[in-house]
Amino acid sequence: MLGLLQPKFMHGYTLQDVDWMCDRAQHVVEQMGQDRLELTGDDVSNLLSCFASNTGAVDQVWQYATLSGVVRNIDCFNSYLNAKIFAKDYKRAFNVLEEMAEAGLQPNVTTQAYLIRLYGLTGDLAAARRVFDQVSGEGSVLVYNDMLDVLGMNGLVEEMRRLFLDMTGLSSIGSNLSKLTADVCQQAKGAVAPNRKTFHILIKWHSQYWDVDTAAQYLRVMSEVFHIQPVAKTFKLIITHRTAIREFQKCASIGVLMGEKYNITPPGYIVRTLESAAKQIAKMEEMIRKSEAQQSSVFYDLFGGPSENTTSH
């Protein structure tokens, strides 16, 4: 039962599935306590991953593991570290790293990826870069994804693009993503294969910085070049309330592509976002028309209307 909480399984769960699994996990743990059965290190790691968004439950699991003497392996520490980062408890996250060292555990690639993200979130971009430079040679997409995210959150979108091209072995094409084709990709050597999360990070930050065109280019590269099928969340990252107001036609066109090109039925939140943006734009246009009409009327009264002297003659 607890084995089903592994992240590799949970990626395919809906929110309802996750709620059900969390509820069942609580019952399983309670029953294990009544039967005097001990959790293993893997069980603890799975529970910490499952309850990552529930900081109270995470701390309870960690406290139980500490007090009951469960052997906590590197995966346990990584899961707890990730949960503390998710909860924005950065001070505790750094303490977890110290506890890991005290336990005689060596950080693995996953630990280093979380450390890159932790440094980025706490504003130490130089430290994030140092860690990345030390471990990027291991070819882990997890490490590259977290470094891309750190660059994005710091507004360094051009550097983020360069890192993506370096990662995929495609730096020779320069910054022009339109030149990136499946044939060019096949010729790349020593590349780290991106995954869906890689493109979600790239799309998210370009959309947040109003660059819908580049976000759409990454969508094309994702599906046509690397053959990674977009999902509803992919489009949700592009079609936000802010981008729909600013770039309504582009966002509407991308929404149409969901069904026509990618065979994805636009979910309700995307439809509502576009409808809300259309209404708000129409309202603003009407306000502008009224304002212009009012200004024109005032201008005519001041300068264009017939004077009293003229009419008297």
C-alpha atoms as a PDB file:
ATOM      1  CA  MET A   1       0.000   0.000   0.000  1.00  0.00           C
ATOM      2  CA  LEU A   2       2.701   2.468   0.988  1.00  0.00           C
ATOM      3  CA  GLY A   3       4.724   1.494  -2.059  1.00  0.00           C
ATOM      4  CA  LEU A   4       2.009   3.033  -4.255  1.00  0.00           C
ATOM      5  CA  LEU A   5       2.943   6.425  -2.802  1.00  0.00           C
ATOM      6  CA  GLN A   6       6.199   6.487  -4.751  1.00  0.00           C
ATOM      7  CA  PRO A   7       6.452   9.636  -6.932  1.00  0.00           C
ATOM      8  CA  LYS A   8       6.870   7.552 -10.090  1.00  0.00           C
ATOM      9  CA  PHE A   9       3.320   6.283  -9.569  1.00  0.00           C
ATOM     10  CA  MET A  10       1.802   9.506  -8.233  1.00  0.00           C
ATOM     11  CA  HIS A  11       2.584  11.545 -11.366  1.00  0.00           C
ATOM     12  CA  GLY A  12      -0.412   9.886 -13.015  1.00  0.00           C
ATOM     13  CA  TYR A  13      -2.822  10.439 -10.131  1.00  0.00           C
ATOM     14  CA  THR A  14      -5.610  12.994 -10.132  1.00  0.00           C
ATOM     15  CA  LEU A  15      -6.170  15.253  -7.112  1.00  0.00           C
ATOM     16  CA  GLN A  16      -8.991  12.938  -6.043  1.00  0.00           C
ATOM     17  CA  ASP A  17      -6.616   9.951  -6.265  1.00  0.00           C
ATOM     18  CA  VAL A  18      -4.026  11.745  -4.143  1.00  0.00           C
ATOM     19  CA  ASP A  19      -6.603  12.681  -1.489  1.00  0.00           C
ATOM     20  CA  TRP A  20      -7.815   9.099  -1.360  1.00  0.00           C
ATOM     21  CA  MET A  21      -4.275   7.729  -1.172  1.00  0.00           C
ATOM     22  CA  CYS A  22      -3.347  10.142   1.624  1.00  0.00           C
ATOM     23  CA  ASP A  23      -6.423   9.123   3.575  1.00  0.00           C
ATOM     24  CA  ARG A  24      -5.656   5.434   3.094  1.00  0.00           C
ATOM     25  CA  ALA A  25      -2.005   5.997   4.036  1.00  0.00           C
ATOM     26  CA  GLN A  26      -3.059   7.493   7.366  1.00  0.00           C
ATOM     27  CA  HIS A  27      -5.216   4.443   8.113  1.00  0.00           C
ATOM     28  CA  VAL A  28      -2.393   2.084   7.114  1.00  0.00           C
ATOM     29  CA  VAL A  29       0.117   3.838   9.373  1.00  0.00           C
ATOM     30  CA  GLU A  30      -2.358   3.832  12.284  1.00  0.00           C
ATOM     31  CA  GLN A  31      -3.016   0.119  11.785  1.00  0.00           C
ATOM     32  CA  MET A  32       0.709  -0.608  11.598  1.00  0.00           C
ATOM     33  CA  GLY A  33       1.159   1.191  14.915  1.00  0.00           C
ATOM     34  CA  GLN A  34      -1.610  -0.878  16.517  1.00  0.00           C
ATOM     35  CA  ASP A  35      -0.058  -4.084  15.184  1.00  0.00           C
ATOM     36  CA  ARG A  36       3.395  -2.946  16.354  1.00  0.00           C
ATOM     37  CA  LEU A  37       4.787  -3.091  12.844  1.00  0.00           C
ATOM     38  CA  GLU A  38       7.710  -0.830  12.001  1.00  0.00           C
ATOM     39  CA  LEU A  39       8.039   1.398   8.983  1.00  0.00           C
ATOM     40  CA  THR A  40      11.073   0.958   6.757  1.00  0.00           C
ATOM     41  CA  GLY A  41      13.205   3.765   5.377  1.00  0.00           C
ATOM     42  CA  ASP A  42      11.447   3.378   2.019  1.00  0.00           C
ATOM     43  CA  ASP A  43       8.049   3.665   3.732  1.00  0.00           C
ATOM     44  CA  VAL A  44       9.134   6.887   5.416  1.00  0.00           C
ATOM     45  CA  SER A  45      10.428   8.286   2.134  1.00  0.00           C
ATOM     46  CA  ASN A  46       7.146   7.456   0.360  1.00  0.00           C
ATOM     47  CA  LEU A  47       5.085   9.026   3.137  1.00  0.00           C
ATOM     48  CA  LEU A  48       7.174  12.189   3.094  1.00  0.00           C
ATOM     49  CA  SER A  49       6.702  12.474  -0.686  1.00  0.00           C
ATOM     50  CA  CYS A  50       2.972  11.857  -0.333  1.00  0.00           C
ATOM     51  CA  PHE A  51       2.462  14.522   2.334  1.00  0.00           C
ATOM     52  CA  ALA A  52       4.912  17.060   0.850  1.00  0.00           C
ATOM     53  CA  SER A  53       2.253  19.774   0.765  1.00  0.00           C
ATOM     54  CA  ASN A  54       1.128  19.072   4.347  1.00  0.00           C
ATOM     55  CA  THR A  55       3.938  20.398   6.499  1.00  0.00           C
ATOM     56  CA  GLY A  56       2.331  19.200   9.745  1.00  0.00           C
ATOM     57  CA  ALA A  57       2.027  15.613   8.498  1.00  0.00           C
ATOM     58  CA  VAL A  58       5.570  15.707   7.113  1.00  0.00           C
ATOM     59  CA  ASP A  59       6.993  16.794  10.461  1.00  0.00           C
ATOM     60  CA  GLN A  60       5.016  14.087  12.259  1.00  0.00           C
ATOM     61  CA  VAL A  61       6.357  11.392   9.937  1.00  0.00           C
ATOM     62  CA  TRP A  62       9.893  12.700  10.364  1.00  0.00           C
ATOM     63  CA  GLN A  63       9.523  12.852  14.152  1.00  0.00           C
ATOM     64  CA  TYR A  64       8.180   9.305  14.211  1.00  0.00           C
ATOM     65  CA  ALA A  65      11.122   8.088  12.115  1.00  0.00           C
ATOM     66  CA  THR A  66      13.585   9.870  14.391  1.00  0.00           C
ATOM     67  CA  LEU A  67      12.117   8.649  17.693  1.00  0.00           C
ATOM     68  CA  SER A  68      11.412   5.084  16.578  1.00  0.00           C
ATOM     69  CA  GLY A  69      14.925   4.557  15.280  1.00  0.00           C
ATOM     70  CA  VAL A  70      13.973   3.925  11.641  1.00  0.00           C
ATOM     71  CA  VAL A  71      17.106   3.856   9.535  1.00  0.00           C
ATOM     72  CA  ARG A  72      16.714   6.949   7.372  1.00  0.00           C
ATOM     73  CA  ASN A  73      18.497   6.571   4.071  1.00  0.00           C
ATOM     74  CA  ILE A  74      19.411   9.310   1.617  1.00  0.00           C
ATOM     75  CA  ASP A  75      15.983   9.048  -0.019  1.00  0.00           C
ATOM     76  CA  CYS A  76      14.320   9.849   3.332  1.00  0.00           C
ATOM     77  CA  PHE A  77      16.448  12.954   3.787  1.00  0.00           C
ATOM     78  CA  ASN A  78      15.845  14.031   0.189  1.00  0.00           C
ATOM     79  CA  SER A  79      12.076  13.660   0.584  1.00  0.00           C
ATOM     80  CA  TYR A  80      12.093  15.655   3.801  1.00  0.00           C
ATOM     81  CA  LEU A  81      14.359  18.308   2.275  1.00  0.00           C
ATOM     82  CA  ASN A  82      12.013  18.650  -0.697  1.00  0.00           C
ATOM     83  CA  ALA A  83       9.005  18.954   1.615  1.00  0.00           C
ATOM     84  CA  LYS A  84      10.665  21.738   3.619  1.00  0.00           C
ATOM     85  CA  ILE A  85      11.564  23.612   0.426  1.00  0.00           C
ATOM     86  CA  PHE A  86       7.986  23.191  -0.784  1.00  0.00           C
ATOM     87  CA  ALA A  87       6.745  24.646   2.516  1.00  0.00           C
ATOM     88  CA  LYS A  88       9.201  27.582   2.128  1.00  0.00           C
ATOM     89  CA  ASP A  89      10.810  26.608   5.435  1.00  0.00           C
ATOM     90  CA  TYR A  90      14.272  27.347   4.086  1.00  0.00           C
ATOM     91  CA  LYS A  91      16.019  27.552   7.455  1.00  0.00           C
ATOM     92  CA  ARG A  92      14.821  24.064   8.327  1.00  0.00           C
ATOM     93  CA  ALA A  93      15.857  22.860   4.862  1.00  0.00           C
ATOM     94  CA  PHE A  94      19.454  23.921   5.499  1.00  0.00           C
ATOM     95  CA  ASN A  95      19.280  22.180   8.890  1.00  0.00           C
ATOM     96  CA  VAL A  96      18.196  18.974   7.157  1.00  0.00           C
ATOM     97  CA  LEU A  97      21.354  19.134   5.038  1.00  0.00           C
ATOM     98  CA  GLU A  98      23.426  19.433   8.219  1.00  0.00           C
ATOM     99  CA  GLU A  99      21.601  16.470   9.761  1.00  0.00           C
ATOM    100  CA  MET A 100      22.292  14.495   6.610  1.00  0.00           C
ATOM    101  CA  ALA A 101      26.017  15.132   6.980  1.00  0.00           C
ATOM    102  CA  GLU A 102      25.896  14.230  10.688  1.00  0.00           C
ATOM    103  CA  ALA A 103      24.264  10.927   9.743  1.00  0.00           C
ATOM    104  CA  GLY A 104      27.263  10.179   7.525  1.00  0.00           C
ATOM    105  CA  LEU A 105      25.254  10.296   4.289  1.00  0.00           C
ATOM    106  CA  GLN A 106      26.731  11.654   1.087  1.00  0.00           C
ATOM    107  CA  PRO A 107      24.499  13.909  -1.052  1.00  0.00           C
ATOM    108  CA  ASN A 108      23.441  12.304  -4.314  1.00  0.00           C
ATOM    109  CA  VAL A 109      22.298  13.941  -7.550  1.00  0.00           C
ATOM    110  CA  THR A 110      18.781  14.442  -6.200  1.00  0.00           C
ATOM    111  CA  THR A 111      20.153  16.195  -3.118  1.00  0.00           C
ATOM    112  CA  GLN A 112      22.268  18.483  -5.299  1.00  0.00           C
ATOM    113  CA  ALA A 113      19.277  19.344  -7.486  1.00  0.00           C
ATOM    114  CA  TYR A 114      17.255  20.312  -4.400  1.00  0.00           C
ATOM    115  CA  LEU A 115      20.214  22.324  -3.121  1.00  0.00           C
ATOM    116  CA  ILE A 116      20.370  24.257  -6.406  1.00  0.00           C
ATOM    117  CA  ARG A 117      16.684  25.099  -6.020  1.00  0.00           C
ATOM    118  CA  LEU A 118      17.139  26.025  -2.352  1.00  0.00           C
ATOM    119  CA  TYR A 119      19.973  28.428  -3.154  1.00  0.00           C
ATOM    120  CA  GLY A 120      17.936  29.943  -5.990  1.00  0.00           C
ATOM    121  CA  LEU A 121      14.907  30.492  -3.767  1.00  0.00           C
ATOM    122  CA  THR A 122      17.037  32.129  -1.085  1.00  0.00           C
ATOM    123  CA  GLY A 123      18.674  34.496  -3.572  1.00  0.00           C
ATOM    124  CA  ASP A 124      22.151  32.952  -3.697  1.00  0.00           C
ATOM    125  CA  LEU A 125      22.474  32.523  -7.450  1.00  0.00           C
ATOM    126  CA  ALA A 126      26.276  32.223  -7.276  1.00  0.00           C
ATOM    127  CA  ALA A 127      26.024  29.239  -4.898  1.00  0.00           C
ATOM    128  CA  ALA A 128      23.380  27.618  -7.119  1.00  0.00           C
ATOM    129  CA  ARG A 129      25.719  27.973 -10.097  1.00  0.00           C
ATOM    130  CA  ARG A 130      28.645  26.472  -8.146  1.00  0.00           C
ATOM    131  CA  VAL A 131      26.637  23.379  -7.223  1.00  0.00           C
ATOM    132  CA  PHE A 132      25.349  23.053 -10.780  1.00  0.00           C
ATOM    133  CA  ASP A 133      28.865  23.274 -12.235  1.00  0.00           C
ATOM    134  CA  GLN A 134      29.979  20.493  -9.884  1.00  0.00           C
ATOM    135  CA  VAL A 135      27.239  18.020 -10.827  1.00  0.00           C
ATOM    136  CA  SER A 136      26.049  18.985 -14.333  1.00  0.00           C
ATOM    137  CA  GLY A 137      28.551  16.560 -15.857  1.00  0.00           C
ATOM    138  CA  GLU A 138      26.566  13.662 -14.411  1.00  0.00           C
ATOM    139  CA  GLY A 139      23.913  14.269 -17.041  1.00  0.00           C
ATOM    140  CA  SER A 140      20.898  14.370 -14.733  1.00  0.00           C
ATOM    141  CA  VAL A 141      17.817  16.061 -16.173  1.00  0.00           C
ATOM    142  CA  LEU A 142      16.709  16.751 -12.586  1.00  0.00           C
ATOM    143  CA  VAL A 143      19.767  18.952 -12.016  1.00  0.00           C
ATOM    144  CA  TYR A 144      19.259  20.807 -15.301  1.00  0.00           C
ATOM    145  CA  ASN A 145      15.569  21.346 -14.597  1.00  0.00           C
ATOM    146  CA  ASP A 146      16.213  22.927 -11.217  1.00  0.00           C
ATOM    147  CA  MET A 147      18.953  25.159 -12.636  1.00  0.00           C
ATOM    148  CA  LEU A 148      16.634  26.252 -15.459  1.00  0.00           C
ATOM    149  CA  ASP A 149      13.980  27.071 -12.872  1.00  0.00           C
ATOM    150  CA  VAL A 150      16.456  29.087 -10.796  1.00  0.00           C
ATOM    151  CA  LEU A 151      17.505  31.112 -13.842  1.00  0.00           C
ATOM    152  CA  GLY A 152      13.863  31.718 -14.706  1.00  0.00           C
ATOM    153  CA  MET A 153      12.885  32.901 -11.240  1.00  0.00           C
ATOM    154  CA  ASN A 154      15.781  35.358 -11.394  1.00  0.00           C
ATOM    155  CA  GLY A 155      14.653  36.766 -14.745  1.00  0.00           C
ATOM    156  CA  LEU A 156      17.601  35.357 -16.685  1.00  0.00           C
ATOM    157  CA  VAL A 157      15.579  34.018 -19.608  1.00  0.00           C
ATOM    158  CA  GLU A 158      18.353  34.348 -22.188  1.00  0.00           C
ATOM    159  CA  GLU A 159      20.737  32.386 -19.993  1.00  0.00           C
ATOM    160  CA  MET A 160      17.958  29.880 -19.434  1.00  0.00           C
ATOM    161  CA  ARG A 161      17.617  29.438 -23.200  1.00  0.00           C
ATOM    162  CA  ARG A 162      21.377  28.982 -23.608  1.00  0.00           C
ATOM    163  CA  LEU A 163      21.411  26.373 -20.864  1.00  0.00           C
ATOM    164  CA  PHE A 164      18.582  24.468 -22.556  1.00  0.00           C
ATOM    165  CA  LEU A 165      20.508  24.434 -25.845  1.00  0.00           C
ATOM    166  CA  ASP A 166      23.710  23.340 -24.072  1.00  0.00           C
ATOM    167  CA  MET A 167      21.778  20.659 -22.231  1.00  0.00           C
ATOM    168  CA  THR A 168      20.361  19.236 -25.453  1.00  0.00           C
ATOM    169  CA  GLY A 169      23.636  19.595 -27.372  1.00  0.00           C
ATOM    170  CA  LEU A 170      22.078  22.126 -29.730  1.00  0.00           C
ATOM    171  CA  SER A 171      24.058  25.297 -29.017  1.00  0.00           C
ATOM    172  CA  SER A 172      25.111  25.461 -32.673  1.00  0.00           C
ATOM    173  CA  ILE A 173      21.702  26.757 -33.753  1.00  0.00           C
ATOM    174  CA  GLY A 174      22.140  29.926 -31.682  1.00  0.00           C
ATOM    175  CA  SER A 175      19.095  31.479 -30.077  1.00  0.00           C
ATOM    176  CA  ASN A 176      16.732  30.905 -33.015  1.00  0.00           C
ATOM    177  CA  LEU A 177      14.372  28.158 -31.856  1.00  0.00           C
ATOM    178  CA  SER A 178      12.636  28.086 -35.229  1.00  0.00           C
ATOM    179  CA  LYS A 179      15.764  26.367 -36.631  1.00  0.00           C
ATOM    180  CA  LEU A 180      15.384  23.538 -34.140  1.00  0.00           C
ATOM    181  CA  THR A 181      14.033  20.481 -35.964  1.00  0.00           C
ATOM    182  CA  ALA A 182      13.940  16.747 -35.302  1.00  0.00           C
ATOM    183  CA  ASP A 183      16.766  16.227 -37.852  1.00  0.00           C
ATOM    184  CA  VAL A 184      18.997  18.741 -36.068  1.00  0.00           C
ATOM    185  CA  CYS A 185      18.178  17.111 -32.740  1.00  0.00           C
ATOM    186  CA  GLN A 186      19.257  13.667 -33.984  1.00  0.00           C
ATOM    187  CA  GLN A 187      22.695  15.040 -34.828  1.00  0.00           C
ATOM    188  CA  ALA A 188      23.267  16.333 -31.281  1.00  0.00           C
ATOM    189  CA  LYS A 189      25.852  14.436 -29.251  1.00  0.00           C
ATOM    190  CA  GLY A 190      26.416  14.200 -25.528  1.00  0.00           C
ATOM    191  CA  ALA A 191      22.970  15.574 -24.870  1.00  0.00           C
ATOM    192  CA  VAL A 192      20.750  15.316 -21.800  1.00  0.00           C
ATOM    193  CA  ALA A 193      17.235  14.426 -22.920  1.00  0.00           C
ATOM    194  CA  PRO A 194      14.696  16.959 -21.659  1.00  0.00           C
ATOM    195  CA  ASN A 195      11.409  15.781 -20.179  1.00  0.00           C
ATOM    196  CA  ARG A 196       7.966  17.340 -19.884  1.00  0.00           C
ATOM    197  CA  LYS A 197       8.967  19.238 -16.748  1.00  0.00           C
ATOM    198  CA  THR A 198      11.880  20.832 -18.647  1.00  0.00           C
ATOM    199  CA  PHE A 199       9.482  22.374 -21.131  1.00  0.00           C
ATOM    200  CA  HIS A 200       6.971  23.329 -18.467  1.00  0.00           C
ATOM    201  CA  ILE A 201       9.697  25.344 -16.742  1.00  0.00           C
ATOM    202  CA  LEU A 202      10.702  27.073 -19.985  1.00  0.00           C
ATOM    203  CA  ILE A 203       7.092  27.783 -20.973  1.00  0.00           C
ATOM    204  CA  LYS A 204       6.136  28.995 -17.496  1.00  0.00           C
ATOM    205  CA  TRP A 205       8.854  31.611 -17.181  1.00  0.00           C
ATOM    206  CA  HIS A 206       8.570  32.953 -20.724  1.00  0.00           C
ATOM    207  CA  SER A 207       4.822  33.337 -20.230  1.00  0.00           C
ATOM    208  CA  GLN A 208       5.333  35.069 -16.893  1.00  0.00           C
ATOM    209  CA  TYR A 209       7.621  37.577 -18.610  1.00  0.00           C
ATOM    210  CA  TRP A 210       5.013  38.229 -21.350  1.00  0.00           C
ATOM    211  CA  ASP A 211       6.928  36.337 -24.069  1.00  0.00           C
ATOM    212  CA  VAL A 212       4.048  34.236 -25.384  1.00  0.00           C
ATOM    213  CA  ASP A 213       5.735  33.809 -28.783  1.00  0.00           C
ATOM    214  CA  THR A 214       8.768  32.057 -27.297  1.00  0.00           C
ATOM    215  CA  ALA A 215       6.553  30.000 -24.984  1.00  0.00           C
ATOM    216  CA  ALA A 216       4.660  28.821 -28.079  1.00  0.00           C
ATOM    217  CA  GLN A 217       7.975  27.976 -29.764  1.00  0.00           C
ATOM    218  CA  TYR A 218       8.914  25.738 -26.836  1.00  0.00           C
ATOM    219  CA  LEU A 219       5.510  24.094 -27.159  1.00  0.00           C
ATOM    220  CA  ARG A 220       6.320  23.310 -30.797  1.00  0.00           C
ATOM    221  CA  VAL A 221       9.807  22.043 -29.955  1.00  0.00           C
ATOM    222  CA  MET A 222       8.381  19.916 -27.159  1.00  0.00           C
ATOM    223  CA  SER A 223       5.981  18.045 -29.428  1.00  0.00           C
ATOM    224  CA  GLU A 224       7.569  18.162 -32.889  1.00  0.00           C
ATOM    225  CA  VAL A 225      11.261  17.866 -32.045  1.00  0.00           C
ATOM    226  CA  PHE A 226      11.395  15.833 -28.824  1.00  0.00           C
ATOM    227  CA  HIS A 227       8.039  14.075 -29.314  1.00  0.00           C
ATOM    228  CA  ILE A 228       6.802  14.837 -25.816  1.00  0.00           C
ATOM    229  CA  GLN A 229       3.020  15.080 -25.781  1.00  0.00           C
ATOM    230  CA  PRO A 230       1.723  18.307 -24.203  1.00  0.00           C
ATOM    231  CA  VAL A 231      -0.959  17.966 -21.532  1.00  0.00           C
ATOM    232  CA  ALA A 232      -3.634  20.347 -20.296  1.00  0.00           C
ATOM    233  CA  LYS A 233      -1.211  21.789 -17.724  1.00  0.00           C
ATOM    234  CA  THR A 234       1.175  22.755 -20.550  1.00  0.00           C
ATOM    235  CA  PHE A 235      -1.430  25.089 -21.997  1.00  0.00           C
ATOM    236  CA  LYS A 236      -2.479  26.364 -18.591  1.00  0.00           C
ATOM    237  CA  LEU A 237       1.077  27.685 -18.160  1.00  0.00           C
ATOM    238  CA  ILE A 238       0.714  29.741 -21.353  1.00  0.00           C
ATOM    239  CA  ILE A 239      -2.924  30.805 -21.144  1.00  0.00           C
ATOM    240  CA  THR A 240      -3.061  32.661 -17.860  1.00  0.00           C
ATOM    241  CA  HIS A 241      -5.302  35.582 -16.971  1.00  0.00           C
ATOM    242  CA  ARG A 242      -2.393  38.002 -17.405  1.00  0.00           C
ATOM    243  CA  THR A 243      -1.265  36.685 -20.799  1.00  0.00           C
ATOM    244  CA  ALA A 244      -4.844  36.369 -22.070  1.00  0.00           C
ATOM    245  CA  ILE A 245      -5.487  40.050 -21.315  1.00  0.00           C
ATOM    246  CA  ARG A 246      -2.260  41.189 -22.931  1.00  0.00           C
ATOM    247  CA  GLU A 247      -2.059  38.740 -25.863  1.00  0.00           C
ATOM    248  CA  PHE A 248      -5.643  37.616 -26.319  1.00  0.00           C
ATOM    249  CA  GLN A 249      -5.471  36.626 -29.987  1.00  0.00           C
ATOM    250  CA  LYS A 250      -2.293  34.604 -29.509  1.00  0.00           C
ATOM    251  CA  CYS A 251      -3.675  32.846 -26.436  1.00  0.00           C
ATOM    252  CA  ALA A 252      -6.971  32.128 -28.192  1.00  0.00           C
ATOM    253  CA  SER A 253      -5.077  30.644 -31.158  1.00  0.00           C
ATOM    254  CA  ILE A 254      -3.069  28.427 -28.814  1.00  0.00           C
ATOM    255  CA  GLY A 255      -6.315  27.355 -27.165  1.00  0.00           C
ATOM    256  CA  VAL A 256      -7.684  26.316 -30.557  1.00  0.00           C
ATOM    257  CA  LEU A 257      -4.496  24.302 -31.210  1.00  0.00           C
ATOM    258  CA  MET A 258      -5.234  22.199 -28.137  1.00  0.00           C
ATOM    259  CA  GLY A 259      -8.060  20.444 -29.930  1.00  0.00           C
ATOM    260  CA  GLU A 260      -7.058  20.760 -33.570  1.00  0.00           C
ATOM    261  CA  LYS A 261      -3.392  19.786 -33.322  1.00  0.00           C
ATOM    262  CA  TYR A 262      -2.925  18.046 -29.980  1.00  0.00           C
ATOM    263  CA  ASN A 263      -6.350  16.417 -29.580  1.00  0.00           C
ATOM    264  CA  ILE A 264      -6.804  17.841 -26.080  1.00  0.00           C
ATOM    265  CA  THR A 265     -10.217  19.121 -25.063  1.00  0.00           C
ATOM    266  CA  PRO A 266      -9.666  22.559 -23.480  1.00  0.00           C
ATOM    267  CA  PRO A 267     -10.442  22.182 -19.773  1.00  0.00           C
ATOM    268  CA  GLY A 268     -12.903  24.491 -18.056  1.00  0.00           C
ATOM    269  CA  TYR A 269     -10.323  26.746 -16.445  1.00  0.00           C
ATOM    270  CA  ILE A 270      -8.756  27.610 -19.821  1.00  0.00           C
ATOM    271  CA  VAL A 271     -12.166  28.296 -21.385  1.00  0.00           C
ATOM    272  CA  ARG A 272     -13.127  30.476 -18.411  1.00  0.00           C
ATOM    273  CA  THR A 273      -9.804  32.331 -18.572  1.00  0.00           C
ATOM    274  CA  LEU A 274     -10.310  33.203 -22.248  1.00  0.00           C
ATOM    275  CA  GLU A 275     -13.966  34.144 -21.745  1.00  0.00           C
ATOM    276  CA  SER A 276     -13.097  36.361 -18.779  1.00  0.00           C
ATOM    277  CA  ALA A 277     -10.281  38.034 -20.723  1.00  0.00           C
ATOM    278  CA  ALA A 278     -12.573  38.652 -23.715  1.00  0.00           C
ATOM    279  CA  LYS A 279     -15.187  40.314 -21.489  1.00  0.00           C
ATOM    280  CA  GLN A 280     -12.574  42.420 -19.718  1.00  0.00           C
ATOM    281  CA  ILE A 281     -11.025  43.536 -23.013  1.00  0.00           C
ATOM    282  CA  ALA A 282     -14.470  44.449 -24.410  1.00  0.00           C
ATOM    283  CA  LYS A 283     -15.189  46.423 -21.237  1.00  0.00           C
ATOM    284  CA  MET A 284     -11.892  48.303 -21.485  1.00  0.00           C
ATOM    285  CA  GLU A 285     -12.471  49.061 -25.179  1.00  0.00           C
ATOM    286  CA  GLU A 286     -15.924  50.444 -24.361  1.00  0.00           C
ATOM    287  CA  MET A 287     -14.432  52.641 -21.625  1.00  0.00           C
ATOM    288  CA  ILE A 288     -11.836  53.942 -24.089  1.00  0.00           C
ATOM    289  CA  ARG A 289     -14.522  54.735 -26.691  1.00  0.00           C
ATOM    290  CA  LYS A 290     -16.573  56.648 -24.135  1.00  0.00           C
ATOM    291  CA  SER A 291     -13.506  58.522 -22.933  1.00  0.00           C
ATOM    292  CA  GLU A 292     -12.516  59.464 -26.480  1.00  0.00           C
ATOM    293  CA  ALA A 293     -16.069  60.577 -27.272  1.00  0.00           C
ATOM    294  CA  GLN A 294     -16.136  62.705 -24.144  1.00  0.00           C
ATOM    295  CA  GLN A 295     -12.764  64.286 -24.962  1.00  0.00           C
ATOM    296  CA  SER A 296     -13.927  64.991 -28.515  1.00  0.00           C
ATOM    297  CA  SER A 297     -17.066  66.685 -27.212  1.00  0.00           C
ATOM    298  CA  VAL A 298     -15.093  68.854 -24.791  1.00  0.00           C
ATOM    299  CA  PHE A 299     -12.609  69.787 -27.543  1.00  0.00           C
ATOM    300  CA  TYR A 300     -15.457  70.784 -29.865  1.00  0.00           C
ATOM    301  CA  ASP A 301     -17.111  72.904 -27.181  1.00  0.00           C
ATOM    302  CA  LEU A 302     -13.827  74.700 -26.459  1.00  0.00           C
ATOM    303  CA  PHE A 303     -12.502  75.233 -29.961  1.00  0.00           C
ATOM    304  CA  GLY A 304     -14.860  73.986 -32.628  1.00  0.00           C
ATOM    305  CA  GLY A 305     -18.285  75.284 -31.752  1.00  0.00           C
ATOM    306  CA  PRO A 306     -19.772  78.479 -33.196  1.00  0.00           C
ATOM    307  CA  SER A 307     -19.033  81.596 -31.136  1.00  0.00           C
ATOM    308  CA  GLU A 308     -21.711  83.907 -29.754  1.00  0.00           C
ATOM    309  CA  ASN A 309     -20.417  86.800 -31.908  1.00  0.00           C
ATOM    310  CA  THR A 310     -20.739  84.768 -35.062  1.00  0.00           C
ATOM    311  CA  THR A 311     -24.302  83.677 -34.327  1.00  0.00           C
ATOM    312  CA  SER A 312     -25.400  87.219 -33.402  1.00  0.00           C
ATOM    313  CA  HIS A 313     -24.358  88.491 -36.823  1.00  0.00           C
END
